[in-house]
PDB file of N, CA and C in Angstrom:
ATOM      1  N   MET A   1     -17.469 -41.252  32.714  1.00  0.00           N
ATOM      2  CA  MET A   1     -18.951 -41.103  32.832  1.00  0.00           C
ATOM      3  C   MET A   1     -19.133 -39.795  33.539  1.00  0.00           C
ATOM      4  N   SER A   2     -18.471 -39.422  34.380  1.00  0.00           N
ATOM      5  CA  SER A   2     -18.537 -38.100  35.174  1.00  0.00           C
ATOM      6  C   SER A   2     -18.404 -36.978  34.282  1.00  0.00           C
ATOM      7  N   SER A   3     -17.485 -37.119  33.393  1.00  0.00           N
ATOM      8  CA  SER A   3     -17.093 -35.970  32.538  1.00  0.00           C
ATOM      9  C   SER A   3     -18.345 -35.697  31.572  1.00  0.00           C
ATOM     10  N   GLN A   4     -19.078 -36.757  31.236  1.00  0.00           N
ATOM     11  CA  GLN A   4     -20.213 -36.557  30.288  1.00  0.00           C
ATOM     12  C   GLN A   4     -21.289 -35.886  31.107  1.00  0.00           C
ATOM     13  N   ILE A   5     -21.478 -36.357  32.394  1.00  0.00           N
ATOM     14  CA  ILE A   5     -22.470 -35.769  33.231  1.00  0.00           C
ATOM     15  C   ILE A   5     -22.192 -34.334  33.472  1.00  0.00           C
ATOM     16  N   ASP A   6     -20.988 -34.065  33.758  1.00  0.00           N
ATOM     17  CA  ASP A   6     -20.552 -32.739  34.023  1.00  0.00           C
ATOM     18  C   ASP A   6     -20.893 -31.746  32.682  1.00  0.00           C
ATOM     19  N   LYS A   7     -20.553 -32.317  31.555  1.00  0.00           N
ATOM     20  CA  LYS A   7     -20.900 -31.510  30.316  1.00  0.00           C
ATOM     21  C   LYS A   7     -22.370 -31.387  30.248  1.00  0.00           C
ATOM     22  N   ALA A   8     -23.156 -32.361  30.501  1.00  0.00           N
ATOM     23  CA  ALA A   8     -24.688 -32.226  30.385  1.00  0.00           C
ATOM     24  C   ALA A   8     -25.219 -31.236  31.420  1.00  0.00           C
ATOM     25  N   ILE A   9     -24.685 -31.244  32.635  1.00  0.00           N
ATOM     26  CA  ILE A   9     -25.066 -30.291  33.617  1.00  0.00           C
ATOM     27  C   ILE A   9     -24.634 -28.923  33.166  1.00  0.00           C
ATOM     28  N   GLU A  10     -23.582 -28.700  32.766  1.00  0.00           N
ATOM     29  CA  GLU A  10     -23.101 -27.457  32.143  1.00  0.00           C
ATOM     30  C   GLU A  10     -24.067 -26.920  30.958  1.00  0.00           C
ATOM     31  N   TYR A  11     -24.450 -27.719  30.132  1.00  0.00           N
ATOM     32  CA  TYR A  11     -25.205 -27.417  28.945  1.00  0.00           C
ATOM     33  C   TYR A  11     -26.684 -27.049  29.478  1.00  0.00           C
ATOM     34  N   TYR A  12     -27.194 -27.835  30.344  1.00  0.00           N
ATOM     35  CA  TYR A  12     -28.601 -27.625  30.829  1.00  0.00           C
ATOM     36  C   TYR A  12     -28.653 -26.340  31.729  1.00  0.00           C
ATOM     37  N   THR A  13     -27.593 -26.116  32.392  1.00  0.00           N
ATOM     38  CA  THR A  13     -27.496 -24.814  33.103  1.00  0.00           C
ATOM     39  C   THR A  13     -27.428 -23.739  32.324  1.00  0.00           C
ATOM     40  N   PHE A  14     -26.591 -23.752  31.213  1.00  0.00           N
ATOM     41  CA  PHE A  14     -26.557 -22.662  30.122  1.00  0.00           C
ATOM     42  C   PHE A  14     -27.776 -22.397  29.554  1.00  0.00           C
ATOM     43  N   LYS A  15     -28.532 -23.429  29.124  1.00  0.00           N
ATOM     44  CA  LYS A  15     -29.935 -23.325  28.625  1.00  0.00           C
ATOM     45  C   LYS A  15     -30.894 -22.676  29.558  1.00  0.00           C
ATOM     46  N   SER A  16     -30.804 -23.072  30.743  1.00  0.00           N
ATOM     47  CA  SER A  16     -31.613 -22.518  31.921  1.00  0.00           C
ATOM     48  C   SER A  16     -31.472 -21.076  32.074  1.00  0.00           C
ATOM     49  N   ASN A  17     -30.081 -20.659  32.124  1.00  0.00           N
ATOM     50  CA  ASN A  17     -29.778 -19.277  32.210  1.00  0.00           C
ATOM     51  C   ASN A  17     -30.272 -18.496  31.098  1.00  0.00           C
ATOM     52  N   GLU A  18     -30.076 -18.989  29.832  1.00  0.00           N
ATOM     53  CA  GLU A  18     -30.465 -18.300  28.711  1.00  0.00           C
ATOM     54  C   GLU A  18     -31.935 -18.030  28.784  1.00  0.00           C
ATOM     55  N   LEU A  19     -32.656 -19.088  29.170  1.00  0.00           N
ATOM     56  CA  LEU A  19     -34.125 -18.947  29.222  1.00  0.00           C
ATOM     57  C   LEU A  19     -34.688 -17.898  30.213  1.00  0.00           C
ATOM     58  N   LEU A  20     -33.990 -17.899  31.377  1.00  0.00           N
ATOM     59  CA  LEU A  20     -34.163 -16.853  32.459  1.00  0.00           C
ATOM     60  C   LEU A  20     -33.908 -15.549  31.999  1.00  0.00           C
ATOM     61  N   ASN A  21     -32.753 -15.356  31.184  1.00  0.00           N
ATOM     62  CA  ASN A  21     -32.311 -13.977  30.693  1.00  0.00           C
ATOM     63  C   ASN A  21     -33.330 -13.549  29.635  1.00  0.00           C
ATOM     64  N   PHE A  22     -33.807 -14.442  28.834  1.00  0.00           N
ATOM     65  CA  PHE A  22     -34.949 -14.132  27.865  1.00  0.00           C
ATOM     66  C   PHE A  22     -36.128 -13.510  28.496  1.00  0.00           C
ATOM     67  N   VAL A  23     -36.521 -14.238  29.494  1.00  0.00           N
ATOM     68  CA  VAL A  23     -37.795 -13.753  30.139  1.00  0.00           C
ATOM     69  C   VAL A  23     -37.660 -12.528  30.913  1.00  0.00           C
ATOM     70  N   ASN A  24     -36.516 -12.376  31.561  1.00  0.00           N
ATOM     71  CA  ASN A  24     -36.175 -11.282  32.299  1.00  0.00           C
ATOM     72  C   ASN A  24     -35.922  -9.903  31.561  1.00  0.00           C
ATOM     73  N   SER A  25     -35.508 -10.135  30.276  1.00  0.00           N
ATOM     74  CA  SER A  25     -35.022  -8.925  29.433  1.00  0.00           C
ATOM     75  C   SER A  25     -36.230  -8.537  28.622  1.00  0.00           C
ATOM     76  N   ASN A  26     -37.338  -9.225  28.613  1.00  0.00           N
ATOM     77  CA  ASN A  26     -38.540  -8.864  27.717  1.00  0.00           C
ATOM     78  C   ASN A  26     -39.698  -8.462  28.620  1.00  0.00           C
ATOM     79  N   SER A  27     -40.071  -7.200  28.402  1.00  0.00           N
ATOM     80  CA  SER A  27     -41.139  -6.715  29.240  1.00  0.00           C
ATOM     81  C   SER A  27     -42.578  -6.820  28.620  1.00  0.00           C
ATOM     82  N   ASN A  28     -42.646  -7.333  27.301  1.00  0.00           N
ATOM     83  CA  ASN A  28     -43.883  -7.440  26.653  1.00  0.00           C
ATOM     84  C   ASN A  28     -44.313  -8.829  26.212  1.00  0.00           C
ATOM     85  N   LEU A  29     -44.001  -9.802  27.125  1.00  0.00           N
ATOM     86  CA  LEU A  29     -44.265 -11.265  26.867  1.00  0.00           C
ATOM     87  C   LEU A  29     -45.688 -11.487  27.207  1.00  0.00           C
ATOM     88  N   SER A  30     -46.323 -12.380  26.451  1.00  0.00           N
ATOM     89  CA  SER A  30     -47.698 -12.616  26.820  1.00  0.00           C
ATOM     90  C   SER A  30     -47.709 -13.715  28.032  1.00  0.00           C
ATOM     91  N   VAL A  31     -48.810 -13.795  28.555  1.00  0.00           N
ATOM     92  CA  VAL A  31     -49.049 -14.825  29.565  1.00  0.00           C
ATOM     93  C   VAL A  31     -48.687 -16.161  29.199  1.00  0.00           C
ATOM     94  N   ASP A  32     -49.195 -16.454  27.981  1.00  0.00           N
ATOM     95  CA  ASP A  32     -48.986 -17.809  27.498  1.00  0.00           C
ATOM     96  C   ASP A  32     -47.421 -18.148  27.278  1.00  0.00           C
ATOM     97  N   LYS A  33     -46.684 -17.226  26.804  1.00  0.00           N
ATOM     98  CA  LYS A  33     -45.252 -17.297  26.552  1.00  0.00           C
ATOM     99  C   LYS A  33     -44.451 -17.387  28.028  1.00  0.00           C
ATOM    100  N   ILE A  34     -44.938 -16.731  28.966  1.00  0.00           N
ATOM    101  CA  ILE A  34     -44.282 -16.748  30.189  1.00  0.00           C
ATOM    102  C   ILE A  34     -44.534 -18.194  30.836  1.00  0.00           C
ATOM    103  N   ILE A  35     -45.807 -18.658  30.700  1.00  0.00           N
ATOM    104  CA  ILE A  35     -46.172 -20.103  31.127  1.00  0.00           C
ATOM    105  C   ILE A  35     -45.242 -21.125  30.460  1.00  0.00           C
ATOM    106  N   GLU A  36     -45.209 -20.815  29.137  1.00  0.00           N
ATOM    107  CA  GLU A  36     -44.317 -21.815  28.284  1.00  0.00           C
ATOM    108  C   GLU A  36     -42.937 -21.903  28.814  1.00  0.00           C
ATOM    109  N   CYS A  37     -42.351 -20.725  28.941  1.00  0.00           N
ATOM    110  CA  CYS A  37     -41.055 -20.597  29.346  1.00  0.00           C
ATOM    111  C   CYS A  37     -40.803 -21.217  30.720  1.00  0.00           C
ATOM    112  N   GLY A  38     -41.827 -20.958  31.648  1.00  0.00           N
ATOM    113  CA  GLY A  38     -41.773 -21.641  32.985  1.00  0.00           C
ATOM    114  C   GLY A  38     -41.737 -23.176  32.908  1.00  0.00           C
ATOM    115  N   SER A  39     -42.584 -23.676  32.024  1.00  0.00           N
ATOM    116  CA  SER A  39     -42.565 -25.071  31.862  1.00  0.00           C
ATOM    117  C   SER A  39     -41.218 -25.650  31.443  1.00  0.00           C
ATOM    118  N   GLU A  40     -40.692 -24.941  30.410  1.00  0.00           N
ATOM    119  CA  GLU A  40     -39.380 -25.393  29.754  1.00  0.00           C
ATOM    120  C   GLU A  40     -38.326 -25.257  30.951  1.00  0.00           C
ATOM    121  N   LEU A  41     -38.358 -24.149  31.779  1.00  0.00           N
ATOM    122  CA  LEU A  41     -37.510 -23.956  32.794  1.00  0.00           C
ATOM    123  C   LEU A  41     -37.589 -25.177  33.833  1.00  0.00           C
ATOM    124  N   ALA A  42     -38.769 -25.524  34.126  1.00  0.00           N
ATOM    125  CA  ALA A  42     -39.081 -26.596  35.062  1.00  0.00           C
ATOM    126  C   ALA A  42     -38.315 -28.051  34.601  1.00  0.00           C
ATOM    127  N   VAL A  43     -38.639 -28.247  33.303  1.00  0.00           N
ATOM    128  CA  VAL A  43     -37.902 -29.451  32.650  1.00  0.00           C
ATOM    129  C   VAL A  43     -36.508 -29.483  32.817  1.00  0.00           C
ATOM    130  N   LEU A  44     -35.801 -28.183  32.387  1.00  0.00           N
ATOM    131  CA  LEU A  44     -34.416 -28.133  32.546  1.00  0.00           C
ATOM    132  C   LEU A  44     -33.930 -28.328  33.957  1.00  0.00           C
ATOM    133  N   GLU A  45     -34.647 -27.682  34.901  1.00  0.00           N
ATOM    134  CA  GLU A  45     -34.243 -27.726  36.334  1.00  0.00           C
ATOM    135  C   GLU A  45     -34.310 -29.312  36.802  1.00  0.00           C
ATOM    136  N   ASN A  46     -35.323 -29.937  36.320  1.00  0.00           N
ATOM    137  CA  ASN A  46     -35.442 -31.366  36.695  1.00  0.00           C
ATOM    138  C   ASN A  46     -34.285 -32.055  36.121  1.00  0.00           C
ATOM    139  N   LYS A  47     -33.894 -31.941  34.951  1.00  0.00           N
ATOM    140  CA  LYS A  47     -32.828 -32.606  34.308  1.00  0.00           C
ATOM    141  C   LYS A  47     -31.541 -32.367  35.027  1.00  0.00           C
ATOM    142  N   ILE A  48     -31.328 -31.096  35.351  1.00  0.00           N
ATOM    143  CA  ILE A  48     -30.140 -30.651  36.149  1.00  0.00           C
ATOM    144  C   ILE A  48     -30.016 -31.501  37.439  1.00  0.00           C
ATOM    145  N   THR A  49     -31.102 -31.458  38.153  1.00  0.00           N
ATOM    146  CA  THR A  49     -31.205 -32.158  39.495  1.00  0.00           C
ATOM    147  C   THR A  49     -31.054 -33.676  39.461  1.00  0.00           C
ATOM    148  N   ALA A  50     -31.585 -34.300  38.413  1.00  0.00           N
ATOM    149  CA  ALA A  50     -31.425 -35.663  38.033  1.00  0.00           C
ATOM    150  C   ALA A  50     -29.932 -35.981  37.836  1.00  0.00           C
ATOM    151  N   LEU A  51     -29.250 -35.153  36.995  1.00  0.00           N
ATOM    152  CA  LEU A  51     -27.782 -35.271  36.660  1.00  0.00           C
ATOM    153  C   LEU A  51     -26.965 -35.240  37.820  1.00  0.00           C
ATOM    154  N   GLU A  52     -27.308 -34.260  38.703  1.00  0.00           N
ATOM    155  CA  GLU A  52     -26.508 -34.110  39.981  1.00  0.00           C
ATOM    156  C   GLU A  52     -26.646 -35.284  40.864  1.00  0.00           C
ATOM    157  N   VAL A  53     -27.838 -35.771  40.892  1.00  0.00           N
ATOM    158  CA  VAL A  53     -27.966 -37.061  41.763  1.00  0.00           C
ATOM    159  C   VAL A  53     -27.228 -38.206  41.128  1.00  0.00           C
ATOM    160  N   ALA A  54     -27.238 -38.385  39.771  1.00  0.00           N
ATOM    161  CA  ALA A  54     -26.535 -39.439  39.161  1.00  0.00           C
ATOM    162  C   ALA A  54     -24.942 -39.232  39.400  1.00  0.00           C
ATOM    163  N   LYS A  55     -24.540 -37.953  39.488  1.00  0.00           N
ATOM    164  CA  LYS A  55     -23.072 -37.794  39.650  1.00  0.00           C
ATOM    165  C   LYS A  55     -22.690 -38.077  40.965  1.00  0.00           C
ATOM    166  N   GLU A  56     -23.536 -37.995  42.024  1.00  0.00           N
ATOM    167  CA  GLU A  56     -23.212 -38.369  43.324  1.00  0.00           C
ATOM    168  C   GLU A  56     -23.178 -39.721  43.596  1.00  0.00           C
ATOM    169  N   ASN A  57     -23.925 -40.522  42.723  1.00  0.00           N
ATOM    170  CA  ASN A  57     -23.883 -42.155  43.003  1.00  0.00           C
ATOM    171  C   ASN A  57     -22.857 -42.588  42.064  1.00  0.00           C
TER     172      ASN A  57
END
């Protein structure tokens, strides 16, 4: 079970970093796109946090 959790954490961390790199590398994003990316990032971070808590238990 821990192996699956580790893989999920690794995947969501990768997706989170990918999204951050996308936002940081584009200087012409609209406000709506930045808000959308922020919302997606919040979801990813919540998933990572939940998985880390599950891993501890």
